[in-house]
Amino acid sequence: MTTVTFLGTGCMQPTKLRNHAGILLSYGNENILFDCGEGIQRQMRIAGIKPAKITRLCITHFHGDHVFGIAGLMSSMGADQFAKKLHIYGPKGTKKYLNYLWKSFATKDIIEHEVHEVNSGIFFENGLFSLEAQPLEHSTKCIGFKFKEKDKRRINVAKANKLGLEGPILGKLQQGKSVVVDGKTIKADEITSVVRGKVVSYITDTSLCNGVNKLAKEADLLIIEGTFLDDLKKNASESGHLTVKQAALVASQNNVKKLAITHLSQRYKSSADVASEARDYFDESVIAEDFMKIEL
């Protein structure tokens, strides 16, 4: 199961209800944090999530509301005796910015980490999932991310039982391999069916561009900024952001299953108007709130 926890859903300035940007995706033993705004480690404590559980940190860009929490979080992970290596992914310039950060204070307990600068395409893959980046268009180098679970094969238990299949034989069939039983070849497609892996995409701080559509395509959950309502689309264009209407249309045009609008401007005290505009263009829309969880 994939669980997404919204730790920060606000924009440039935090409010009483919305923290700076931060989204945690949990999958098996992986806890992948997308962006790390100021106060994210406190949000994690409130949500009952231990900072030392984080395995990967994906940074979209280095505007303060997306990165001011990095130093504090990594210090706390060190204090919690984080015993692994944290992998950090971000756009070109990430190494430089982080080096500046470590020089800005008397570092203590900063954990072992490795920084990877990425731009487009799959940058991490194992037997369970892949991570992809695409360039976005903002006032500084910015990327969006896509998490894609690998497809799996589901066994038709009734057919397997009828043929007396069990143990390692079922394992091979789940891998898509044919097996020979009592001299008869059984193909994987006869006993199993392919279940498409879940796709979660995270897009924030961008104008409309090719990267937006590449990341959004066929997503089971699209987490995307809707900083302004459409009556302020000029403000959105000038600052390199999306309106709620634009975000909803992206979902509609890319066969998205569920849309979560995040990165709301602090001017919106209530999410009702935001929700109304989003659902005018895409029915399966929710407005992300701090500490909300979505399971896939």
C-alpha atoms as a PDB file:
ATOM      1  CA  MET A   1       0.000   0.000   0.000  1.00  0.00           C
ATOM      2  CA  THR A   2       1.117   3.542  -0.769  1.00  0.00           C
ATOM      3  CA  THR A   3       0.260   6.223   1.795  1.00  0.00           C
ATOM      4  CA  VAL A   4       0.667   9.951   1.179  1.00  0.00           C
ATOM      5  CA  THR A   5       0.742  12.270   4.204  1.00  0.00           C
ATOM      6  CA  PHE A   6       0.431  15.996   3.646  1.00  0.00           C
ATOM      7  CA  LEU A   7       2.750  17.716   6.115  1.00  0.00           C
ATOM      8  CA  GLY A   8       2.643  21.187   4.588  1.00  0.00           C
ATOM      9  CA  THR A   9       0.151  22.527   2.052  1.00  0.00           C
ATOM     10  CA  GLY A  10       0.746  26.269   2.181  1.00  0.00           C
ATOM     11  CA  CYS A  11       2.528  28.758  -0.002  1.00  0.00           C
ATOM     12  CA  MET A  12       5.234  31.361   0.654  1.00  0.00           C
ATOM     13  CA  GLN A  13       4.028  32.262   4.142  1.00  0.00           C
ATOM     14  CA  PRO A  14       2.780  29.641   6.618  1.00  0.00           C
ATOM     15  CA  THR A  15      -0.579  30.193   8.285  1.00  0.00           C
ATOM     16  CA  LYS A  16      -2.214  28.811  11.411  1.00  0.00           C
ATOM     17  CA  LEU A  17      -3.617  25.964   9.330  1.00  0.00           C
ATOM     18  CA  ARG A  18      -1.043  25.462   6.573  1.00  0.00           C
ATOM     19  CA  ASN A  19       2.667  24.823   6.983  1.00  0.00           C
ATOM     20  CA  HIS A  20       5.345  25.288   4.334  1.00  0.00           C
ATOM     21  CA  ALA A  21       5.583  22.604   1.642  1.00  0.00           C
ATOM     22  CA  GLY A  22       6.185  18.958   2.501  1.00  0.00           C
ATOM     23  CA  ILE A  23       4.668  15.672   1.295  1.00  0.00           C
ATOM     24  CA  LEU A  24       5.615  12.238   2.670  1.00  0.00           C
ATOM     25  CA  LEU A  25       5.086   9.118   0.556  1.00  0.00           C
ATOM     26  CA  SER A  26       5.327   5.835   2.459  1.00  0.00           C
ATOM     27  CA  TYR A  27       5.715   2.556   0.595  1.00  0.00           C
ATOM     28  CA  GLY A  28       6.976  -0.573   2.322  1.00  0.00           C
ATOM     29  CA  ASN A  29      10.240   0.351   4.023  1.00  0.00           C
ATOM     30  CA  GLU A  30      10.555   3.571   2.037  1.00  0.00           C
ATOM     31  CA  ASN A  31       9.559   6.996   3.339  1.00  0.00           C
ATOM     32  CA  ILE A  32      10.165   9.561   0.625  1.00  0.00           C
ATOM     33  CA  LEU A  33       9.849  13.235   1.573  1.00  0.00           C
ATOM     34  CA  PHE A  34       9.040  15.642  -1.235  1.00  0.00           C
ATOM     35  CA  ASP A  35      10.197  19.157  -0.255  1.00  0.00           C
ATOM     36  CA  CYS A  36      11.111  20.189   3.256  1.00  0.00           C
ATOM     37  CA  GLY A  37       9.765  23.584   4.231  1.00  0.00           C
ATOM     38  CA  GLU A  38      10.278  25.250   7.572  1.00  0.00           C
ATOM     39  CA  GLY A  39       8.708  23.313  10.441  1.00  0.00           C
ATOM     40  CA  ILE A  40       8.362  19.987   8.621  1.00  0.00           C
ATOM     41  CA  GLN A  41      10.043  18.025  11.408  1.00  0.00           C
ATOM     42  CA  ARG A  42       7.510  19.419  13.888  1.00  0.00           C
ATOM     43  CA  GLN A  43       4.701  18.448  11.514  1.00  0.00           C
ATOM     44  CA  MET A  44       6.122  14.940  11.423  1.00  0.00           C
ATOM     45  CA  ARG A  45       6.154  14.749  15.223  1.00  0.00           C
ATOM     46  CA  ILE A  46       2.510  15.829  15.344  1.00  0.00           C
ATOM     47  CA  ALA A  47       1.636  13.205  12.725  1.00  0.00           C
ATOM     48  CA  GLY A  48       3.455  10.512  14.720  1.00  0.00           C
ATOM     49  CA  ILE A  49       6.179  10.033  12.097  1.00  0.00           C
ATOM     50  CA  LYS A  50       9.777   9.641  13.257  1.00  0.00           C
ATOM     51  CA  PRO A  51      12.220  11.751  11.209  1.00  0.00           C
ATOM     52  CA  ALA A  52      14.772   8.911  11.278  1.00  0.00           C
ATOM     53  CA  LYS A  53      12.343   6.847   9.162  1.00  0.00           C
ATOM     54  CA  ILE A  54      12.942   9.028   6.087  1.00  0.00           C
ATOM     55  CA  THR A  55      14.898   7.233   3.361  1.00  0.00           C
ATOM     56  CA  ARG A  56      14.931   9.781   0.519  1.00  0.00           C
ATOM     57  CA  LEU A  57      14.510  13.535   0.204  1.00  0.00           C
ATOM     58  CA  CYS A  58      13.337  14.985  -3.122  1.00  0.00           C
ATOM     59  CA  ILE A  59      13.635  18.759  -3.501  1.00  0.00           C
ATOM     60  CA  THR A  60      11.785  20.555  -6.296  1.00  0.00           C
ATOM     61  CA  HIS A  61      13.734  23.846  -6.038  1.00  0.00           C
ATOM     62  CA  PHE A  62      15.556  26.045  -3.572  1.00  0.00           C
ATOM     63  CA  HIS A  63      13.043  28.740  -2.736  1.00  0.00           C
ATOM     64  CA  GLY A  64      12.883  29.056   1.039  1.00  0.00           C
ATOM     65  CA  ASP A  65       9.372  27.734   1.570  1.00  0.00           C
ATOM     66  CA  HIS A  66      10.502  24.398   0.115  1.00  0.00           C
ATOM     67  CA  VAL A  67      13.887  23.982   1.821  1.00  0.00           C
ATOM     68  CA  PHE A  68      14.124  25.971   5.072  1.00  0.00           C
ATOM     69  CA  GLY A  69      13.451  22.790   7.073  1.00  0.00           C
ATOM     70  CA  ILE A  70      16.316  20.688   5.707  1.00  0.00           C
ATOM     71  CA  ALA A  71      19.012  21.571   8.251  1.00  0.00           C
ATOM     72  CA  GLY A  72      16.754  21.085  11.263  1.00  0.00           C
ATOM     73  CA  LEU A  73      15.334  17.841   9.964  1.00  0.00           C
ATOM     74  CA  MET A  74      18.726  16.312   9.223  1.00  0.00           C
ATOM     75  CA  SER A  75      20.062  17.452  12.604  1.00  0.00           C
ATOM     76  CA  SER A  76      17.142  15.719  14.316  1.00  0.00           C
ATOM     77  CA  MET A  77      17.698  12.590  12.255  1.00  0.00           C
ATOM     78  CA  GLY A  78      21.275  12.575  13.523  1.00  0.00           C
ATOM     79  CA  ALA A  79      20.136  13.037  17.109  1.00  0.00           C
ATOM     80  CA  ASP A  80      17.755  10.105  16.583  1.00  0.00           C
ATOM     81  CA  GLN A  81      20.778   8.027  15.508  1.00  0.00           C
ATOM     82  CA  PHE A  82      19.812   7.607  11.881  1.00  0.00           C
ATOM     83  CA  ALA A  83      22.043   4.710  10.850  1.00  0.00           C
ATOM     84  CA  LYS A  84      21.729   4.743   7.064  1.00  0.00           C
ATOM     85  CA  LYS A  85      22.655   7.100   4.232  1.00  0.00           C
ATOM     86  CA  LEU A  86      20.030   9.653   3.218  1.00  0.00           C
ATOM     87  CA  HIS A  87      19.769  10.118  -0.540  1.00  0.00           C
ATOM     88  CA  ILE A  88      18.900  13.669  -1.560  1.00  0.00           C
ATOM     89  CA  TYR A  89      17.669  14.463  -5.071  1.00  0.00           C
ATOM     90  CA  GLY A  90      17.236  17.927  -6.525  1.00  0.00           C
ATOM     91  CA  PRO A  91      17.808  20.101  -9.592  1.00  0.00           C
ATOM     92  CA  LYS A  92      21.147  21.361 -10.836  1.00  0.00           C
ATOM     93  CA  GLY A  93      22.724  23.489  -8.109  1.00  0.00           C
ATOM     94  CA  THR A  94      21.550  21.311  -5.226  1.00  0.00           C
ATOM     95  CA  LYS A  95      25.101  20.416  -4.149  1.00  0.00           C
ATOM     96  CA  LYS A  96      26.105  24.078  -4.119  1.00  0.00           C
ATOM     97  CA  TYR A  97      23.096  25.191  -2.096  1.00  0.00           C
ATOM     98  CA  LEU A  98      23.526  22.426   0.479  1.00  0.00           C
ATOM     99  CA  ASN A  99      27.230  23.223   0.859  1.00  0.00           C
ATOM    100  CA  TYR A 100      26.255  26.830   1.602  1.00  0.00           C
ATOM    101  CA  LEU A 101      23.733  25.571   4.140  1.00  0.00           C
ATOM    102  CA  TRP A 102      26.235  23.459   6.070  1.00  0.00           C
ATOM    103  CA  LYS A 103      28.625  26.426   6.247  1.00  0.00           C
ATOM    104  CA  SER A 104      25.958  28.752   7.628  1.00  0.00           C
ATOM    105  CA  PHE A 105      25.880  27.291  11.155  1.00  0.00           C
ATOM    106  CA  ALA A 106      27.920  25.127  13.521  1.00  0.00           C
ATOM    107  CA  THR A 107      26.798  21.776  12.213  1.00  0.00           C
ATOM    108  CA  LYS A 108      26.209  18.963  14.683  1.00  0.00           C
ATOM    109  CA  ASP A 109      24.871  15.470  14.139  1.00  0.00           C
ATOM    110  CA  ILE A 110      24.383  16.004  10.394  1.00  0.00           C
ATOM    111  CA  ILE A 111      23.775  12.534   9.038  1.00  0.00           C
ATOM    112  CA  GLU A 112      25.591  10.760   6.260  1.00  0.00           C
ATOM    113  CA  HIS A 113      24.018  11.726   2.966  1.00  0.00           C
ATOM    114  CA  GLU A 114      24.565  11.634  -0.776  1.00  0.00           C
ATOM    115  CA  VAL A 115      23.352  14.364  -3.123  1.00  0.00           C
ATOM    116  CA  HIS A 116      22.149  13.573  -6.651  1.00  0.00           C
ATOM    117  CA  GLU A 117      21.419  16.355  -9.145  1.00  0.00           C
ATOM    118  CA  VAL A 118      18.720  15.224 -11.581  1.00  0.00           C
ATOM    119  CA  ASN A 119      16.899  16.779 -14.510  1.00  0.00           C
ATOM    120  CA  SER A 120      14.717  14.469 -16.597  1.00  0.00           C
ATOM    121  CA  GLY A 121      13.861  10.783 -16.780  1.00  0.00           C
ATOM    122  CA  ILE A 122      14.108   7.930 -14.275  1.00  0.00           C
ATOM    123  CA  PHE A 123      16.852   8.589 -11.726  1.00  0.00           C
ATOM    124  CA  PHE A 124      16.196   5.715  -9.297  1.00  0.00           C
ATOM    125  CA  GLU A 125      14.785   2.246  -9.838  1.00  0.00           C
ATOM    126  CA  ASN A 126      14.664  -1.029  -7.969  1.00  0.00           C
ATOM    127  CA  GLY A 127      12.491  -4.129  -8.128  1.00  0.00           C
ATOM    128  CA  LEU A 128       9.556  -2.374  -6.481  1.00  0.00           C
ATOM    129  CA  PHE A 129       9.323   1.175  -7.835  1.00  0.00           C
ATOM    130  CA  SER A 130      10.976   3.949  -9.822  1.00  0.00           C
ATOM    131  CA  LEU A 131      11.401   7.692  -9.338  1.00  0.00           C
ATOM    132  CA  GLU A 132      11.307  10.070 -12.289  1.00  0.00           C
ATOM    133  CA  ALA A 133      12.001  13.790 -12.613  1.00  0.00           C
ATOM    134  CA  GLN A 134      10.933  16.302 -15.249  1.00  0.00           C
ATOM    135  CA  PRO A 135      11.983  19.956 -15.582  1.00  0.00           C
ATOM    136  CA  LEU A 136       9.369  22.572 -14.766  1.00  0.00           C
ATOM    137  CA  GLU A 137       9.201  26.311 -15.537  1.00  0.00           C
ATOM    138  CA  HIS A 138       9.677  28.632 -12.572  1.00  0.00           C
ATOM    139  CA  SER A 139      11.835  31.624 -11.660  1.00  0.00           C
ATOM    140  CA  THR A 140      14.641  29.258 -10.593  1.00  0.00           C
ATOM    141  CA  LYS A 141      15.682  25.721 -11.530  1.00  0.00           C
ATOM    142  CA  CYS A 142      12.721  23.516 -10.634  1.00  0.00           C
ATOM    143  CA  ILE A 143      11.736  19.888 -11.184  1.00  0.00           C
ATOM    144  CA  GLY A 144       8.695  17.739 -10.471  1.00  0.00           C
ATOM    145  CA  PHE A 145       8.655  14.094  -9.440  1.00  0.00           C
ATOM    146  CA  LYS A 146       6.809  10.878 -10.284  1.00  0.00           C
ATOM    147  CA  PHE A 147       6.725   7.742  -8.111  1.00  0.00           C
ATOM    148  CA  LYS A 148       5.720   4.616 -10.053  1.00  0.00           C
ATOM    149  CA  GLU A 149       5.142   1.261  -8.432  1.00  0.00           C
ATOM    150  CA  LYS A 150       6.161  -1.687 -10.589  1.00  0.00           C
ATOM    151  CA  ASP A 151       3.360  -3.724 -12.140  1.00  0.00           C
ATOM    152  CA  LYS A 152       2.553  -6.949 -10.299  1.00  0.00           C
ATOM    153  CA  ARG A 153       0.966 -10.244 -11.244  1.00  0.00           C
ATOM    154  CA  ARG A 154      -2.031 -11.414  -9.264  1.00  0.00           C
ATOM    155  CA  ILE A 155      -2.561 -15.161  -9.010  1.00  0.00           C
ATOM    156  CA  ASN A 156      -5.937 -16.647  -9.843  1.00  0.00           C
ATOM    157  CA  VAL A 157      -6.130 -18.772  -6.695  1.00  0.00           C
ATOM    158  CA  ALA A 158      -8.984 -20.961  -7.966  1.00  0.00           C
ATOM    159  CA  LYS A 159      -7.078 -21.907 -11.134  1.00  0.00           C
ATOM    160  CA  ALA A 160      -3.851 -22.445  -9.199  1.00  0.00           C
ATOM    161  CA  ASN A 161      -5.577 -24.744  -6.699  1.00  0.00           C
ATOM    162  CA  LYS A 162      -7.291 -26.707  -9.460  1.00  0.00           C
ATOM    163  CA  LEU A 163      -3.887 -27.414 -11.050  1.00  0.00           C
ATOM    164  CA  GLY A 164      -2.246 -28.091  -7.686  1.00  0.00           C
ATOM    165  CA  LEU A 165       0.262 -25.266  -8.086  1.00  0.00           C
ATOM    166  CA  GLU A 166       2.068 -24.005  -5.009  1.00  0.00           C
ATOM    167  CA  GLY A 167       5.328 -22.701  -3.549  1.00  0.00           C
ATOM    168  CA  PRO A 168       8.217 -21.778  -5.904  1.00  0.00           C
ATOM    169  CA  ILE A 169       6.112 -22.574  -8.969  1.00  0.00           C
ATOM    170  CA  LEU A 170       3.682 -19.789  -8.080  1.00  0.00           C
ATOM    171  CA  GLY A 171       6.625 -17.488  -7.470  1.00  0.00           C
ATOM    172  CA  LYS A 172       7.916 -18.076 -11.007  1.00  0.00           C
ATOM    173  CA  LEU A 173       4.479 -17.480 -12.488  1.00  0.00           C
ATOM    174  CA  GLN A 174       4.245 -14.198 -10.564  1.00  0.00           C
ATOM    175  CA  GLN A 175       7.518 -13.201 -12.191  1.00  0.00           C
ATOM    176  CA  GLY A 176       5.916 -13.732 -15.585  1.00  0.00           C
ATOM    177  CA  LYS A 177       7.778 -16.970 -16.285  1.00  0.00           C
ATOM    178  CA  SER A 178       6.355 -20.151 -17.758  1.00  0.00           C
ATOM    179  CA  VAL A 179       6.608 -23.380 -15.744  1.00  0.00           C
ATOM    180  CA  VAL A 180       6.449 -27.063 -16.618  1.00  0.00           C
ATOM    181  CA  VAL A 181       4.249 -29.257 -14.416  1.00  0.00           C
ATOM    182  CA  ASP A 182       3.814 -32.979 -15.163  1.00  0.00           C
ATOM    183  CA  GLY A 183       5.186 -32.402 -18.636  1.00  0.00           C
ATOM    184  CA  LYS A 184       2.730 -29.581 -19.397  1.00  0.00           C
ATOM    185  CA  THR A 185       3.851 -25.985 -19.952  1.00  0.00           C
ATOM    186  CA  ILE A 186       1.819 -23.423 -18.045  1.00  0.00           C
ATOM    187  CA  LYS A 187       2.204 -19.816 -19.087  1.00  0.00           C
ATOM    188  CA  ALA A 188       2.021 -16.984 -16.595  1.00  0.00           C
ATOM    189  CA  ASP A 189      -0.930 -15.396 -18.419  1.00  0.00           C
ATOM    190  CA  GLU A 190      -2.995 -18.546 -17.831  1.00  0.00           C
ATOM    191  CA  ILE A 191      -2.781 -18.295 -14.044  1.00  0.00           C
ATOM    192  CA  THR A 192      -2.018 -14.645 -13.348  1.00  0.00           C
ATOM    193  CA  SER A 193      -3.157 -11.217 -14.443  1.00  0.00           C
ATOM    194  CA  VAL A 194      -1.144  -7.993 -14.485  1.00  0.00           C
ATOM    195  CA  VAL A 195      -2.078  -5.360 -11.902  1.00  0.00           C
ATOM    196  CA  ARG A 196      -0.869  -1.926 -12.881  1.00  0.00           C
ATOM    197  CA  GLY A 197       1.392  -0.257 -10.326  1.00  0.00           C
ATOM    198  CA  LYS A 198       0.196   2.921  -8.633  1.00  0.00           C
ATOM    199  CA  VAL A 199       1.532   6.265  -9.845  1.00  0.00           C
ATOM    200  CA  VAL A 200       1.873   9.348  -7.626  1.00  0.00           C
ATOM    201  CA  SER A 201       3.082  12.633  -9.137  1.00  0.00           C
ATOM    202  CA  TYR A 202       4.152  15.800  -7.336  1.00  0.00           C
ATOM    203  CA  ILE A 203       4.206  19.114  -9.203  1.00  0.00           C
ATOM    204  CA  THR A 204       4.659  22.516  -7.642  1.00  0.00           C
ATOM    205  CA  ASP A 205       5.890  26.019  -8.490  1.00  0.00           C
ATOM    206  CA  THR A 206       5.598  26.017 -12.260  1.00  0.00           C
ATOM    207  CA  SER A 207       3.857  27.461 -15.263  1.00  0.00           C
ATOM    208  CA  LEU A 208       2.216  25.117 -17.750  1.00  0.00           C
ATOM    209  CA  CYS A 209       4.905  23.202 -19.655  1.00  0.00           C
ATOM    210  CA  ASN A 210       5.695  19.795 -21.166  1.00  0.00           C
ATOM    211  CA  GLY A 211       7.087  18.551 -17.866  1.00  0.00           C
ATOM    212  CA  VAL A 212       3.734  19.093 -16.163  1.00  0.00           C
ATOM    213  CA  ASN A 213       1.906  16.861 -18.624  1.00  0.00           C
ATOM    214  CA  LYS A 214       4.626  14.180 -18.651  1.00  0.00           C
ATOM    215  CA  LEU A 215       4.444  13.868 -14.886  1.00  0.00           C
ATOM    216  CA  ALA A 216       0.647  14.031 -14.679  1.00  0.00           C
ATOM    217  CA  LYS A 217      -0.108  11.453 -17.382  1.00  0.00           C
ATOM    218  CA  GLU A 218      -2.027   8.430 -16.051  1.00  0.00           C
ATOM    219  CA  ALA A 219      -1.333   9.330 -12.402  1.00  0.00           C
ATOM    220  CA  ASP A 220      -3.462   7.570  -9.796  1.00  0.00           C
ATOM    221  CA  LEU A 221      -2.838  10.572  -7.554  1.00  0.00           C
ATOM    222  CA  LEU A 222      -1.714  13.939  -8.890  1.00  0.00           C
ATOM    223  CA  ILE A 223      -0.501  16.325  -6.195  1.00  0.00           C
ATOM    224  CA  ILE A 224      -0.208  19.677  -7.890  1.00  0.00           C
ATOM    225  CA  GLU A 225      -0.109  23.303  -6.905  1.00  0.00           C
ATOM    226  CA  GLY A 226      -3.125  25.557  -7.271  1.00  0.00           C
ATOM    227  CA  THR A 227      -1.650  28.702  -5.781  1.00  0.00           C
ATOM    228  CA  PHE A 228      -4.313  31.097  -7.095  1.00  0.00           C
ATOM    229  CA  LEU A 229      -7.919  30.975  -8.208  1.00  0.00           C
ATOM    230  CA  ASP A 230      -8.419  31.701 -11.884  1.00  0.00           C
ATOM    231  CA  ASP A 231      -9.437  35.340 -11.334  1.00  0.00           C
ATOM    232  CA  LEU A 232      -5.776  35.903 -10.414  1.00  0.00           C
ATOM    233  CA  LYS A 233      -4.320  34.040 -13.393  1.00  0.00           C
ATOM    234  CA  LYS A 234      -2.246  37.107 -14.270  1.00  0.00           C
ATOM    235  CA  ASN A 235      -0.591  36.905 -10.837  1.00  0.00           C
ATOM    236  CA  ALA A 236      -0.011  33.202 -11.396  1.00  0.00           C
ATOM    237  CA  SER A 237       1.586  33.771 -14.797  1.00  0.00           C
ATOM    238  CA  GLU A 238       3.842  36.561 -13.556  1.00  0.00           C
ATOM    239  CA  SER A 239       5.095  34.515 -10.590  1.00  0.00           C
ATOM    240  CA  GLY A 240       5.472  31.157 -12.359  1.00  0.00           C
ATOM    241  CA  HIS A 241       2.574  29.368 -10.703  1.00  0.00           C
ATOM    242  CA  LEU A 242      -0.590  27.500 -11.679  1.00  0.00           C
ATOM    243  CA  THR A 243      -4.178  28.421 -10.971  1.00  0.00           C
ATOM    244  CA  VAL A 244      -6.616  25.907  -9.537  1.00  0.00           C
ATOM    245  CA  LYS A 245      -8.429  25.802 -12.888  1.00  0.00           C
ATOM    246  CA  GLN A 246      -5.203  25.056 -14.742  1.00  0.00           C
ATOM    247  CA  ALA A 247      -4.327  22.282 -12.293  1.00  0.00           C
ATOM    248  CA  ALA A 248      -7.770  20.705 -12.681  1.00  0.00           C
ATOM    249  CA  LEU A 249      -7.560  20.849 -16.471  1.00  0.00           C
ATOM    250  CA  VAL A 250      -4.145  19.172 -16.345  1.00  0.00           C
ATOM    251  CA  ALA A 251      -5.762  16.323 -14.403  1.00  0.00           C
ATOM    252  CA  SER A 252      -8.685  16.111 -16.809  1.00  0.00           C
ATOM    253  CA  GLN A 253      -6.495  16.069 -19.914  1.00  0.00           C
ATOM    254  CA  ASN A 254      -4.053  13.451 -18.608  1.00  0.00           C
ATOM    255  CA  ASN A 255      -6.428  10.708 -17.409  1.00  0.00           C
ATOM    256  CA  VAL A 256      -5.636  11.295 -13.735  1.00  0.00           C
ATOM    257  CA  LYS A 257      -7.635   9.244 -11.225  1.00  0.00           C
ATOM    258  CA  LYS A 258      -7.519  11.620  -8.236  1.00  0.00           C
ATOM    259  CA  LEU A 259      -6.355  15.219  -7.879  1.00  0.00           C
ATOM    260  CA  ALA A 260      -5.041  16.880  -4.710  1.00  0.00           C
ATOM    261  CA  ILE A 261      -4.541  20.658  -4.876  1.00  0.00           C
ATOM    262  CA  THR A 262      -1.757  21.989  -2.662  1.00  0.00           C
ATOM    263  CA  HIS A 263       0.496  25.077  -2.221  1.00  0.00           C
ATOM    264  CA  LEU A 264      -2.452  27.422  -1.659  1.00  0.00           C
ATOM    265  CA  SER A 265      -1.898  31.137  -1.269  1.00  0.00           C
ATOM    266  CA  GLN A 266      -2.349  32.408   2.269  1.00  0.00           C
ATOM    267  CA  ARG A 267      -5.072  34.760   0.989  1.00  0.00           C
ATOM    268  CA  TYR A 268      -7.547  31.845   0.926  1.00  0.00           C
ATOM    269  CA  LYS A 269      -8.832  31.420   4.464  1.00  0.00           C
ATOM    270  CA  SER A 270     -11.313  28.738   3.452  1.00  0.00           C
ATOM    271  CA  SER A 271     -10.801  25.939   0.947  1.00  0.00           C
ATOM    272  CA  ALA A 272     -14.459  25.992  -0.144  1.00  0.00           C
ATOM    273  CA  ASP A 273     -13.935  28.354  -3.087  1.00  0.00           C
ATOM    274  CA  VAL A 274     -10.815  26.468  -4.107  1.00  0.00           C
ATOM    275  CA  ALA A 275     -12.685  23.167  -4.050  1.00  0.00           C
ATOM    276  CA  SER A 276     -15.554  24.626  -6.050  1.00  0.00           C
ATOM    277  CA  GLU A 277     -13.290  25.846  -8.843  1.00  0.00           C
ATOM    278  CA  ALA A 278     -11.353  22.580  -8.982  1.00  0.00           C
ATOM    279  CA  ARG A 279     -14.510  20.444  -9.214  1.00  0.00           C
ATOM    280  CA  ASP A 280     -15.901  22.608 -11.989  1.00  0.00           C
ATOM    281  CA  TYR A 281     -13.209  21.097 -14.191  1.00  0.00           C
ATOM    282  CA  PHE A 282     -12.333  17.781 -12.501  1.00  0.00           C
ATOM    283  CA  ASP A 283     -14.778  15.893 -10.303  1.00  0.00           C
ATOM    284  CA  GLU A 284     -12.259  13.778  -8.380  1.00  0.00           C
ATOM    285  CA  SER A 285     -10.601  16.770  -6.728  1.00  0.00           C
ATOM    286  CA  VAL A 286      -9.690  17.324  -3.093  1.00  0.00           C
ATOM    287  CA  ILE A 287      -8.034  20.293  -1.452  1.00  0.00           C
ATOM    288  CA  ALA A 288      -5.045  19.109   0.537  1.00  0.00           C
ATOM    289  CA  GLU A 289      -4.997  20.023   4.225  1.00  0.00           C
ATOM    290  CA  ASP A 290      -2.128  19.603   6.653  1.00  0.00           C
ATOM    291  CA  PHE A 291      -2.096  16.067   8.139  1.00  0.00           C
ATOM    292  CA  MET A 292      -4.519  14.700   5.544  1.00  0.00           C
ATOM    293  CA  LYS A 293      -3.702  11.166   4.370  1.00  0.00           C
ATOM    294  CA  ILE A 294      -4.510   9.455   1.078  1.00  0.00           C
ATOM    295  CA  GLU A 295      -4.024   5.713   0.658  1.00  0.00           C
ATOM    296  CA  LEU A 296      -3.731   3.960  -2.682  1.00  0.00           C
END
